[in-house]
Amino acid sequence: MKLQPNEVHQWFDDHGSALATGGVRVLVILLVALLVRALLHRAINRLVRSAVDGRIPGALHGLRDKARALDSTVLTSERRRQRTETLGSVLRSIASATVGVIALAMVLGEIGLNLTPIVASAGIVGVAVGFGAQNLVKDFLSGMFMLLEDQYGVGDVIDAGAATGIVEAVTLRTTRLRDGEGTVWYIRNGEINRVGNKSQGWSRALLDVPLALGTDVTGARALALEVAQQVRSDDAYAGLVLEDPEVWGLQAIGAEGLVLRITMKTLATQEGPVERALRERLVAAFAQHGISIGVPQQPGQLR
């Protein structure tokens, strides 16, 4: 049925005021929602940047200078960038979705729609999706807390239980590792029950030297400490060793011989080169001084 011009004018006369008032309210709601969203995004960006860049764990206070030197590496920069982008993106998405839902509900209320059936339907759908995506939600929550707590990041060497290797990428859902053989592992964050991070703070070069029964332990300890000090003073390793070496003494005594333990505190993940250098020099020094390494004696030779 075609409306006559006078009928159209009459309709606008009857409803024009209500339309104008409702339109202004809807416009105000949308403008306020955009303003709140912008303010939230700005606050989130500042919060994430300060949380990611400004925190130094208490365990690193004694190594502050060396930690700053490490922070200048490309891997650390990539780690910080990835954490900032991931956390910022998730928090901004949550803020936008929350503001959008509230604004939509207020606009629908201004239009006059009954929100009760919509809310009930959304609740049912939400419950169904929640049951179907429990593992996905678990992965996302685990990834979120992992990033917030800085448990590990790009470039760290970690033991994640299922695999051990260098972290190549971290997302809210998965962690990508590359092990020593070059295999790439994709591990869901929700499946990681414990993580051993070998790259945070410092490491310890720990060397157990087997000695033959009857070895002069006092002389072996003195010689081992001297060799360790030489490694500490070597220009090739001085930048890797953080403290003077220590000889803890006999770690084990058995029928097959003695075990002497030597330790050196190193930069994180740098214990390997130090241990190899220490082994090579110990073999040469012990051989020069007639100290047998790992030579079990026969039971008849025991005194």
C-alpha atoms as a PDB file:
ATOM      1  CA  MET A   1       0.000   0.000   0.000  1.00  0.00           C
ATOM      2  CA  LYS A   2       1.397   3.334  -1.034  1.00  0.00           C
ATOM      3  CA  LEU A   3       1.470   6.053   1.619  1.00  0.00           C
ATOM      4  CA  GLN A   4       0.108   9.427   0.729  1.00  0.00           C
ATOM      5  CA  PRO A   5       2.311  12.488   1.270  1.00  0.00           C
ATOM      6  CA  ASN A   6       0.038  13.781   3.997  1.00  0.00           C
ATOM      7  CA  GLU A   7       0.240  10.435   5.808  1.00  0.00           C
ATOM      8  CA  VAL A   8       4.053  10.495   5.693  1.00  0.00           C
ATOM      9  CA  HIS A   9       4.070  14.022   7.084  1.00  0.00           C
ATOM     10  CA  GLN A  10       1.660  12.991   9.803  1.00  0.00           C
ATOM     11  CA  TRP A  11       3.856  10.012  10.763  1.00  0.00           C
ATOM     12  CA  PHE A  12       6.925  12.214  11.062  1.00  0.00           C
ATOM     13  CA  ASP A  13       4.969  14.715  13.090  1.00  0.00           C
ATOM     14  CA  ASP A  14       3.934  11.963  15.509  1.00  0.00           C
ATOM     15  CA  HIS A  15       7.305  10.156  15.747  1.00  0.00           C
ATOM     16  CA  GLY A  16       9.879  12.719  14.696  1.00  0.00           C
ATOM     17  CA  SER A  17      10.647  13.867  18.194  1.00  0.00           C
ATOM     18  CA  ALA A  18      11.139  10.317  19.440  1.00  0.00           C
ATOM     19  CA  LEU A  19      13.357   9.465  16.462  1.00  0.00           C
ATOM     20  CA  ALA A  20      15.494  12.535  16.982  1.00  0.00           C
ATOM     21  CA  THR A  21      15.878  11.850  20.699  1.00  0.00           C
ATOM     22  CA  GLY A  22      16.639   8.141  20.148  1.00  0.00           C
ATOM     23  CA  GLY A  23      19.076   8.911  17.340  1.00  0.00           C
ATOM     24  CA  VAL A  24      20.960  11.372  19.506  1.00  0.00           C
ATOM     25  CA  ARG A  25      21.161   8.797  22.295  1.00  0.00           C
ATOM     26  CA  VAL A  26      22.442   6.108  19.937  1.00  0.00           C
ATOM     27  CA  LEU A  27      25.026   8.499  18.531  1.00  0.00           C
ATOM     28  CA  VAL A  28      26.157   9.455  22.034  1.00  0.00           C
ATOM     29  CA  ILE A  29      26.447   5.765  22.986  1.00  0.00           C
ATOM     30  CA  LEU A  30      28.576   5.023  19.921  1.00  0.00           C
ATOM     31  CA  LEU A  31      30.830   8.043  20.487  1.00  0.00           C
ATOM     32  CA  VAL A  32      31.324   7.191  24.160  1.00  0.00           C
ATOM     33  CA  ALA A  33      32.077   3.564  23.239  1.00  0.00           C
ATOM     34  CA  LEU A  34      34.719   4.654  20.718  1.00  0.00           C
ATOM     35  CA  LEU A  35      36.264   7.029  23.253  1.00  0.00           C
ATOM     36  CA  VAL A  36      36.354   4.375  25.994  1.00  0.00           C
ATOM     37  CA  ARG A  37      37.849   1.866  23.559  1.00  0.00           C
ATOM     38  CA  ALA A  38      40.596   4.290  22.532  1.00  0.00           C
ATOM     39  CA  LEU A  39      41.426   5.115  26.161  1.00  0.00           C
ATOM     40  CA  LEU A  40      41.540   1.429  27.094  1.00  0.00           C
ATOM     41  CA  HIS A  41      43.827   0.621  24.156  1.00  0.00           C
ATOM     42  CA  ARG A  42      46.175   3.436  25.134  1.00  0.00           C
ATOM     43  CA  ALA A  43      46.273   2.296  28.767  1.00  0.00           C
ATOM     44  CA  ILE A  44      46.857  -1.326  27.732  1.00  0.00           C
ATOM     45  CA  ASN A  45      49.742  -0.383  25.443  1.00  0.00           C
ATOM     46  CA  ARG A  46      51.451   1.602  28.207  1.00  0.00           C
ATOM     47  CA  LEU A  47      50.839  -1.129  30.788  1.00  0.00           C
ATOM     48  CA  VAL A  48      52.185  -3.916  28.582  1.00  0.00           C
ATOM     49  CA  ARG A  49      55.281  -1.946  27.563  1.00  0.00           C
ATOM     50  CA  SER A  50      56.141  -1.097  31.156  1.00  0.00           C
ATOM     51  CA  ALA A  51      55.488  -4.651  32.363  1.00  0.00           C
ATOM     52  CA  VAL A  52      57.601  -6.231  29.616  1.00  0.00           C
ATOM     53  CA  ASP A  53      60.499  -3.770  29.502  1.00  0.00           C
ATOM     54  CA  GLY A  54      60.791  -2.537  33.054  1.00  0.00           C
ATOM     55  CA  ARG A  55      61.021  -5.675  35.181  1.00  0.00           C
ATOM     56  CA  ILE A  56      64.282  -7.316  36.228  1.00  0.00           C
ATOM     57  CA  PRO A  57      63.892 -10.480  38.338  1.00  0.00           C
ATOM     58  CA  GLY A  58      65.361 -10.236  41.822  1.00  0.00           C
ATOM     59  CA  ALA A  59      67.711 -13.146  41.110  1.00  0.00           C
ATOM     60  CA  LEU A  60      69.489 -10.989  38.517  1.00  0.00           C
ATOM     61  CA  HIS A  61      70.225  -7.952  40.681  1.00  0.00           C
ATOM     62  CA  GLY A  62      73.798  -9.108  41.304  1.00  0.00           C
ATOM     63  CA  LEU A  63      74.290  -9.574  37.556  1.00  0.00           C
ATOM     64  CA  ARG A  64      72.624  -6.335  36.446  1.00  0.00           C
ATOM     65  CA  ASP A  65      75.487  -5.179  34.215  1.00  0.00           C
ATOM     66  CA  LYS A  66      75.814  -8.510  32.454  1.00  0.00           C
ATOM     67  CA  ALA A  67      72.042  -8.782  32.093  1.00  0.00           C
ATOM     68  CA  ARG A  68      71.956  -5.388  30.385  1.00  0.00           C
ATOM     69  CA  ALA A  69      74.637  -6.574  27.994  1.00  0.00           C
ATOM     70  CA  LEU A  70      72.566  -9.626  27.188  1.00  0.00           C
ATOM     71  CA  ASP A  71      69.428  -7.543  26.716  1.00  0.00           C
ATOM     72  CA  SER A  72      71.035  -5.853  23.722  1.00  0.00           C
ATOM     73  CA  THR A  73      71.062  -9.061  21.707  1.00  0.00           C
ATOM     74  CA  VAL A  74      68.738  -9.656  18.794  1.00  0.00           C
ATOM     75  CA  LEU A  75      67.056 -12.625  20.489  1.00  0.00           C
ATOM     76  CA  THR A  76      66.145 -10.596  23.568  1.00  0.00           C
ATOM     77  CA  SER A  77      64.744  -7.793  21.421  1.00  0.00           C
ATOM     78  CA  GLU A  78      62.688 -10.315  19.466  1.00  0.00           C
ATOM     79  CA  ARG A  79      61.490 -11.878  22.702  1.00  0.00           C
ATOM     80  CA  ARG A  80      60.329  -8.540  24.094  1.00  0.00           C
ATOM     81  CA  ARG A  81      58.717  -7.529  20.824  1.00  0.00           C
ATOM     82  CA  GLN A  82      56.802 -10.800  20.605  1.00  0.00           C
ATOM     83  CA  ARG A  83      55.620 -10.628  24.211  1.00  0.00           C
ATOM     84  CA  THR A  84      54.499  -7.020  23.788  1.00  0.00           C
ATOM     85  CA  GLU A  85      52.612  -7.691  20.575  1.00  0.00           C
ATOM     86  CA  THR A  86      50.948 -10.853  21.859  1.00  0.00           C
ATOM     87  CA  LEU A  87      49.857  -9.472  25.215  1.00  0.00           C
ATOM     88  CA  GLY A  88      48.797  -6.151  23.729  1.00  0.00           C
ATOM     89  CA  SER A  89      46.786  -7.807  20.969  1.00  0.00           C
ATOM     90  CA  VAL A  90      44.927 -10.110  23.360  1.00  0.00           C
ATOM     91  CA  LEU A  91      44.112  -7.400  25.908  1.00  0.00           C
ATOM     92  CA  ARG A  92      43.031  -4.959  23.188  1.00  0.00           C
ATOM     93  CA  SER A  93      40.768  -7.590  21.650  1.00  0.00           C
ATOM     94  CA  ILE A  94      39.183  -8.333  25.030  1.00  0.00           C
ATOM     95  CA  ALA A  95      38.649  -4.615  25.694  1.00  0.00           C
ATOM     96  CA  SER A  96      37.158  -4.012  22.248  1.00  0.00           C
ATOM     97  CA  ALA A  97      34.827  -6.995  22.534  1.00  0.00           C
ATOM     98  CA  THR A  98      33.632  -5.958  25.992  1.00  0.00           C
ATOM     99  CA  VAL A  99      32.984  -2.355  24.995  1.00  0.00           C
ATOM    100  CA  GLY A 100      31.322  -3.450  21.751  1.00  0.00           C
ATOM    101  CA  VAL A 101      28.940  -5.873  23.457  1.00  0.00           C
ATOM    102  CA  ILE A 102      27.916  -3.290  26.065  1.00  0.00           C
ATOM    103  CA  ALA A 103      27.420  -0.612  23.417  1.00  0.00           C
ATOM    104  CA  LEU A 104      25.378  -2.967  21.204  1.00  0.00           C
ATOM    105  CA  ALA A 105      23.143  -3.930  24.101  1.00  0.00           C
ATOM    106  CA  MET A 106      22.514  -0.262  24.939  1.00  0.00           C
ATOM    107  CA  VAL A 107      21.753   0.603  21.293  1.00  0.00           C
ATOM    108  CA  LEU A 108      19.314  -2.304  20.983  1.00  0.00           C
ATOM    109  CA  GLY A 109      17.671  -1.147  24.183  1.00  0.00           C
ATOM    110  CA  GLU A 110      17.241   2.358  22.749  1.00  0.00           C
ATOM    111  CA  ILE A 111      15.682   0.923  19.591  1.00  0.00           C
ATOM    112  CA  GLY A 112      13.177  -0.921  21.743  1.00  0.00           C
ATOM    113  CA  LEU A 113      14.142  -4.520  21.080  1.00  0.00           C
ATOM    114  CA  ASN A 114      13.590  -7.080  23.820  1.00  0.00           C
ATOM    115  CA  LEU A 115      17.046  -8.322  24.848  1.00  0.00           C
ATOM    116  CA  THR A 116      15.893 -11.213  27.031  1.00  0.00           C
ATOM    117  CA  PRO A 117      15.650 -13.838  24.231  1.00  0.00           C
ATOM    118  CA  ILE A 118      18.962 -12.649  22.755  1.00  0.00           C
ATOM    119  CA  VAL A 119      20.755 -12.890  26.092  1.00  0.00           C
ATOM    120  CA  ALA A 120      19.284 -16.348  26.756  1.00  0.00           C
ATOM    121  CA  SER A 121      20.322 -17.613  23.326  1.00  0.00           C
ATOM    122  CA  ALA A 122      23.810 -16.185  23.715  1.00  0.00           C
ATOM    123  CA  GLY A 123      24.143 -17.922  27.064  1.00  0.00           C
ATOM    124  CA  ILE A 124      23.191 -21.289  25.610  1.00  0.00           C
ATOM    125  CA  VAL A 125      25.591 -20.870  22.687  1.00  0.00           C
ATOM    126  CA  GLY A 126      28.350 -19.772  25.059  1.00  0.00           C
ATOM    127  CA  VAL A 127      27.900 -22.870  27.236  1.00  0.00           C
ATOM    128  CA  ALA A 128      27.977 -25.152  24.176  1.00  0.00           C
ATOM    129  CA  VAL A 129      31.098 -23.499  22.770  1.00  0.00           C
ATOM    130  CA  GLY A 130      32.738 -23.594  26.192  1.00  0.00           C
ATOM    131  CA  PHE A 131      32.280 -27.350  26.509  1.00  0.00           C
ATOM    132  CA  GLY A 132      33.581 -27.915  22.988  1.00  0.00           C
ATOM    133  CA  ALA A 133      36.640 -25.689  23.341  1.00  0.00           C
ATOM    134  CA  GLN A 134      37.894 -26.544  26.816  1.00  0.00           C
ATOM    135  CA  ASN A 135      41.366 -27.517  25.595  1.00  0.00           C
ATOM    136  CA  LEU A 136      41.619 -24.382  23.476  1.00  0.00           C
ATOM    137  CA  VAL A 137      40.651 -22.177  26.423  1.00  0.00           C
ATOM    138  CA  LYS A 138      43.164 -24.020  28.618  1.00  0.00           C
ATOM    139  CA  ASP A 139      45.911 -23.435  26.043  1.00  0.00           C
ATOM    140  CA  PHE A 140      45.117 -19.730  25.802  1.00  0.00           C
ATOM    141  CA  LEU A 141      44.985 -19.196  29.565  1.00  0.00           C
ATOM    142  CA  SER A 142      48.253 -21.081  30.066  1.00  0.00           C
ATOM    143  CA  GLY A 143      49.905 -19.056  27.312  1.00  0.00           C
ATOM    144  CA  MET A 144      48.607 -15.811  28.778  1.00  0.00           C
ATOM    145  CA  PHE A 145      50.024 -16.489  32.238  1.00  0.00           C
ATOM    146  CA  MET A 146      53.265 -17.792  30.753  1.00  0.00           C
ATOM    147  CA  LEU A 147      53.780 -14.494  28.907  1.00  0.00           C
ATOM    148  CA  LEU A 148      52.716 -12.340  31.837  1.00  0.00           C
ATOM    149  CA  GLU A 149      55.090 -14.154  34.210  1.00  0.00           C
ATOM    150  CA  ASP A 150      57.903 -14.238  31.634  1.00  0.00           C
ATOM    151  CA  GLN A 151      58.532 -17.922  32.242  1.00  0.00           C
ATOM    152  CA  TYR A 152      60.394 -18.202  28.921  1.00  0.00           C
ATOM    153  CA  GLY A 153      60.668 -16.468  25.575  1.00  0.00           C
ATOM    154  CA  VAL A 154      62.271 -16.528  22.146  1.00  0.00           C
ATOM    155  CA  GLY A 155      65.902 -17.646  22.362  1.00  0.00           C
ATOM    156  CA  ASP A 156      65.611 -19.400  25.736  1.00  0.00           C
ATOM    157  CA  VAL A 157      66.755 -22.995  26.150  1.00  0.00           C
ATOM    158  CA  ILE A 158      64.021 -24.817  28.032  1.00  0.00           C
ATOM    159  CA  ASP A 159      63.043 -28.308  29.123  1.00  0.00           C
ATOM    160  CA  ALA A 160      59.296 -28.539  28.521  1.00  0.00           C
ATOM    161  CA  GLY A 161      58.969 -32.208  29.435  1.00  0.00           C
ATOM    162  CA  ALA A 162      57.950 -33.404  25.998  1.00  0.00           C
ATOM    163  CA  ALA A 163      61.014 -31.820  24.388  1.00  0.00           C
ATOM    164  CA  THR A 164      64.119 -29.803  25.219  1.00  0.00           C
ATOM    165  CA  GLY A 165      65.492 -27.125  22.923  1.00  0.00           C
ATOM    166  CA  ILE A 166      65.659 -23.484  21.901  1.00  0.00           C
ATOM    167  CA  VAL A 167      62.392 -21.534  21.825  1.00  0.00           C
ATOM    168  CA  GLU A 168      61.814 -20.242  18.311  1.00  0.00           C
ATOM    169  CA  ALA A 169      58.297 -18.856  18.663  1.00  0.00           C
ATOM    170  CA  VAL A 170      55.704 -18.358  21.385  1.00  0.00           C
ATOM    171  CA  THR A 171      51.978 -17.807  20.861  1.00  0.00           C
ATOM    172  CA  LEU A 172      49.044 -17.985  23.219  1.00  0.00           C
ATOM    173  CA  ARG A 173      48.212 -21.489  21.994  1.00  0.00           C
ATOM    174  CA  THR A 174      51.546 -23.169  21.241  1.00  0.00           C
ATOM    175  CA  THR A 175      55.284 -23.027  21.878  1.00  0.00           C
ATOM    176  CA  ARG A 176      57.710 -23.961  19.091  1.00  0.00           C
ATOM    177  CA  LEU A 177      61.027 -25.594  20.070  1.00  0.00           C
ATOM    178  CA  ARG A 178      64.013 -26.805  18.069  1.00  0.00           C
ATOM    179  CA  ASP A 179      66.019 -29.541  19.780  1.00  0.00           C
ATOM    180  CA  GLY A 180      69.718 -30.358  19.425  1.00  0.00           C
ATOM    181  CA  GLU A 181      69.072 -32.642  16.442  1.00  0.00           C
ATOM    182  CA  GLY A 182      67.238 -29.896  14.560  1.00  0.00           C
ATOM    183  CA  THR A 183      63.742 -31.326  15.062  1.00  0.00           C
ATOM    184  CA  VAL A 184      61.019 -28.709  15.473  1.00  0.00           C
ATOM    185  CA  TRP A 185      58.500 -29.407  18.252  1.00  0.00           C
ATOM    186  CA  TYR A 186      55.080 -27.758  18.544  1.00  0.00           C
ATOM    187  CA  ILE A 187      53.786 -28.050  22.099  1.00  0.00           C
ATOM    188  CA  ARG A 188      50.364 -26.867  23.250  1.00  0.00           C
ATOM    189  CA  ASN A 189      50.748 -24.506  26.196  1.00  0.00           C
ATOM    190  CA  GLY A 190      48.000 -26.298  28.098  1.00  0.00           C
ATOM    191  CA  GLU A 191      50.026 -29.527  28.027  1.00  0.00           C
ATOM    192  CA  ILE A 192      53.132 -27.990  29.616  1.00  0.00           C
ATOM    193  CA  ASN A 193      52.963 -28.888  33.304  1.00  0.00           C
ATOM    194  CA  ARG A 194      56.467 -27.751  34.213  1.00  0.00           C
ATOM    195  CA  VAL A 195      59.241 -25.842  32.475  1.00  0.00           C
ATOM    196  CA  GLY A 196      62.957 -25.779  33.213  1.00  0.00           C
ATOM    197  CA  ASN A 197      64.466 -22.570  31.815  1.00  0.00           C
ATOM    198  CA  LYS A 198      68.229 -22.825  31.288  1.00  0.00           C
ATOM    199  CA  SER A 199      68.623 -19.243  30.015  1.00  0.00           C
ATOM    200  CA  GLN A 200      67.481 -17.096  32.925  1.00  0.00           C
ATOM    201  CA  GLY A 201      70.160 -15.461  35.037  1.00  0.00           C
ATOM    202  CA  TRP A 202      73.142 -17.818  35.113  1.00  0.00           C
ATOM    203  CA  SER A 203      74.242 -21.396  34.663  1.00  0.00           C
ATOM    204  CA  ARG A 204      76.744 -23.624  36.420  1.00  0.00           C
ATOM    205  CA  ALA A 205      79.500 -25.575  34.731  1.00  0.00           C
ATOM    206  CA  LEU A 206      79.575 -28.761  36.789  1.00  0.00           C
ATOM    207  CA  LEU A 207      82.239 -31.357  36.185  1.00  0.00           C
ATOM    208  CA  ASP A 208      82.541 -34.695  38.003  1.00  0.00           C
ATOM    209  CA  VAL A 209      86.067 -36.077  37.552  1.00  0.00           C
ATOM    210  CA  PRO A 210      86.509 -39.818  38.217  1.00  0.00           C
ATOM    211  CA  LEU A 211      89.723 -40.664  40.068  1.00  0.00           C
ATOM    212  CA  ALA A 212      91.346 -43.988  40.785  1.00  0.00           C
ATOM    213  CA  LEU A 213      91.230 -45.397  44.294  1.00  0.00           C
ATOM    214  CA  GLY A 214      94.344 -44.445  46.211  1.00  0.00           C
ATOM    215  CA  THR A 215      94.661 -41.050  44.517  1.00  0.00           C
ATOM    216  CA  ASP A 216      96.045 -38.217  46.647  1.00  0.00           C
ATOM    217  CA  VAL A 217      92.747 -36.303  46.987  1.00  0.00           C
ATOM    218  CA  THR A 218      94.378 -33.208  48.496  1.00  0.00           C
ATOM    219  CA  GLY A 219      96.834 -32.908  45.621  1.00  0.00           C
ATOM    220  CA  ALA A 220      94.128 -33.632  43.039  1.00  0.00           C
ATOM    221  CA  ARG A 221      91.925 -30.909  44.521  1.00  0.00           C
ATOM    222  CA  ALA A 222      94.714 -28.346  44.482  1.00  0.00           C
ATOM    223  CA  LEU A 223      95.631 -29.191  40.892  1.00  0.00           C
ATOM    224  CA  ALA A 224      91.996 -29.125  39.752  1.00  0.00           C
ATOM    225  CA  LEU A 225      91.508 -25.690  41.326  1.00  0.00           C
ATOM    226  CA  GLU A 226      94.656 -24.406  39.659  1.00  0.00           C
ATOM    227  CA  VAL A 227      93.468 -25.624  36.247  1.00  0.00           C
ATOM    228  CA  ALA A 228      90.042 -24.107  36.788  1.00  0.00           C
ATOM    229  CA  GLN A 229      91.654 -20.774  37.693  1.00  0.00           C
ATOM    230  CA  GLN A 230      93.622 -20.909  34.444  1.00  0.00           C
ATOM    231  CA  VAL A 231      90.385 -21.341  32.505  1.00  0.00           C
ATOM    232  CA  ARG A 232      88.861 -18.462  34.469  1.00  0.00           C
ATOM    233  CA  SER A 233      91.818 -16.213  33.547  1.00  0.00           C
ATOM    234  CA  ASP A 234      91.846 -17.188  29.864  1.00  0.00           C
ATOM    235  CA  ASP A 235      90.651 -14.307  27.687  1.00  0.00           C
ATOM    236  CA  ALA A 236      88.562 -16.728  25.643  1.00  0.00           C
ATOM    237  CA  TYR A 237      86.474 -17.676  28.699  1.00  0.00           C
ATOM    238  CA  ALA A 238      86.835 -14.738  31.094  1.00  0.00           C
ATOM    239  CA  GLY A 239      83.682 -13.129  29.717  1.00  0.00           C
ATOM    240  CA  LEU A 240      81.709 -16.323  30.229  1.00  0.00           C
ATOM    241  CA  VAL A 241      82.675 -17.053  33.848  1.00  0.00           C
ATOM    242  CA  LEU A 242      80.967 -14.933  36.513  1.00  0.00           C
ATOM    243  CA  GLU A 243      82.732 -16.084  39.703  1.00  0.00           C
ATOM    244  CA  ASP A 244      85.887 -17.850  40.819  1.00  0.00           C
ATOM    245  CA  PRO A 245      85.770 -21.638  40.393  1.00  0.00           C
ATOM    246  CA  GLU A 246      85.219 -23.961  43.328  1.00  0.00           C
ATOM    247  CA  VAL A 247      86.238 -27.535  44.053  1.00  0.00           C
ATOM    248  CA  TRP A 248      83.472 -28.945  46.201  1.00  0.00           C
ATOM    249  CA  GLY A 249      85.443 -32.085  47.007  1.00  0.00           C
ATOM    250  CA  LEU A 250      84.598 -35.762  46.777  1.00  0.00           C
ATOM    251  CA  GLN A 251      81.143 -36.294  45.346  1.00  0.00           C
ATOM    252  CA  ALA A 252      81.191 -40.094  45.595  1.00  0.00           C
ATOM    253  CA  ILE A 253      83.302 -42.958  46.911  1.00  0.00           C
ATOM    254  CA  GLY A 254      82.827 -46.449  45.544  1.00  0.00           C
ATOM    255  CA  ALA A 255      84.499 -49.686  44.561  1.00  0.00           C
ATOM    256  CA  GLU A 256      85.239 -48.309  41.107  1.00  0.00           C
ATOM    257  CA  GLY A 257      86.963 -45.166  42.365  1.00  0.00           C
ATOM    258  CA  LEU A 258      86.431 -41.607  43.572  1.00  0.00           C
ATOM    259  CA  VAL A 259      84.539 -38.693  42.038  1.00  0.00           C
ATOM    260  CA  LEU A 260      85.806 -35.125  42.430  1.00  0.00           C
ATOM    261  CA  ARG A 261      83.338 -32.301  41.710  1.00  0.00           C
ATOM    262  CA  ILE A 262      84.400 -28.939  40.220  1.00  0.00           C
ATOM    263  CA  THR A 263      81.996 -26.057  39.580  1.00  0.00           C
ATOM    264  CA  MET A 264      82.144 -22.675  37.852  1.00  0.00           C
ATOM    265  CA  LYS A 265      79.324 -20.100  37.646  1.00  0.00           C
ATOM    266  CA  THR A 266      78.824 -18.954  34.052  1.00  0.00           C
ATOM    267  CA  LEU A 267      76.537 -16.875  31.904  1.00  0.00           C
ATOM    268  CA  ALA A 268      73.272 -18.613  31.055  1.00  0.00           C
ATOM    269  CA  THR A 269      73.666 -21.421  28.469  1.00  0.00           C
ATOM    270  CA  GLN A 270      77.461 -20.873  28.359  1.00  0.00           C
ATOM    271  CA  GLU A 271      78.426 -23.711  30.671  1.00  0.00           C
ATOM    272  CA  GLY A 272      79.126 -26.061  27.734  1.00  0.00           C
ATOM    273  CA  PRO A 273      82.229 -24.291  26.329  1.00  0.00           C
ATOM    274  CA  VAL A 274      83.617 -23.801  29.832  1.00  0.00           C
ATOM    275  CA  GLU A 275      83.135 -27.472  30.731  1.00  0.00           C
ATOM    276  CA  ARG A 276      84.846 -28.632  27.520  1.00  0.00           C
ATOM    277  CA  ALA A 277      87.837 -26.360  28.103  1.00  0.00           C
ATOM    278  CA  LEU A 278      88.099 -27.525  31.704  1.00  0.00           C
ATOM    279  CA  ARG A 279      88.008 -31.206  30.689  1.00  0.00           C
ATOM    280  CA  GLU A 280      90.769 -30.782  28.113  1.00  0.00           C
ATOM    281  CA  ARG A 281      93.078 -28.967  30.530  1.00  0.00           C
ATOM    282  CA  LEU A 282      92.369 -31.359  33.398  1.00  0.00           C
ATOM    283  CA  VAL A 283      93.287 -34.375  31.279  1.00  0.00           C
ATOM    284  CA  ALA A 284      96.592 -32.772  30.317  1.00  0.00           C
ATOM    285  CA  ALA A 285      97.407 -31.546  33.838  1.00  0.00           C
ATOM    286  CA  PHE A 286      96.507 -34.828  35.565  1.00  0.00           C
ATOM    287  CA  ALA A 287      98.558 -36.808  33.044  1.00  0.00           C
ATOM    288  CA  GLN A 288     101.549 -34.502  33.591  1.00  0.00           C
ATOM    289  CA  HIS A 289     101.383 -34.993  37.376  1.00  0.00           C
ATOM    290  CA  GLY A 290     100.758 -38.738  37.238  1.00  0.00           C
ATOM    291  CA  ILE A 291      97.163 -38.629  38.503  1.00  0.00           C
ATOM    292  CA  SER A 292      95.007 -41.400  37.034  1.00  0.00           C
ATOM    293  CA  ILE A 293      91.524 -40.463  35.798  1.00  0.00           C
ATOM    294  CA  GLY A 294      88.847 -43.111  36.041  1.00  0.00           C
ATOM    295  CA  VAL A 295      91.077 -46.173  36.392  1.00  0.00           C
ATOM    296  CA  PRO A 296      89.265 -48.756  38.529  1.00  0.00           C
ATOM    297  CA  GLN A 297      91.539 -51.020  40.536  1.00  0.00           C
ATOM    298  CA  GLN A 298      91.120 -54.751  40.913  1.00  0.00           C
ATOM    299  CA  PRO A 299      89.748 -55.990  44.263  1.00  0.00           C
ATOM    300  CA  GLY A 300      93.069 -57.701  45.017  1.00  0.00           C
ATOM    301  CA  GLN A 301      94.859 -54.367  44.737  1.00  0.00           C
ATOM    302  CA  LEU A 302      92.773 -52.685  47.405  1.00  0.00           C
ATOM    303  CA  ARG A 303      94.595 -51.951  50.644  1.00  0.00           C
END
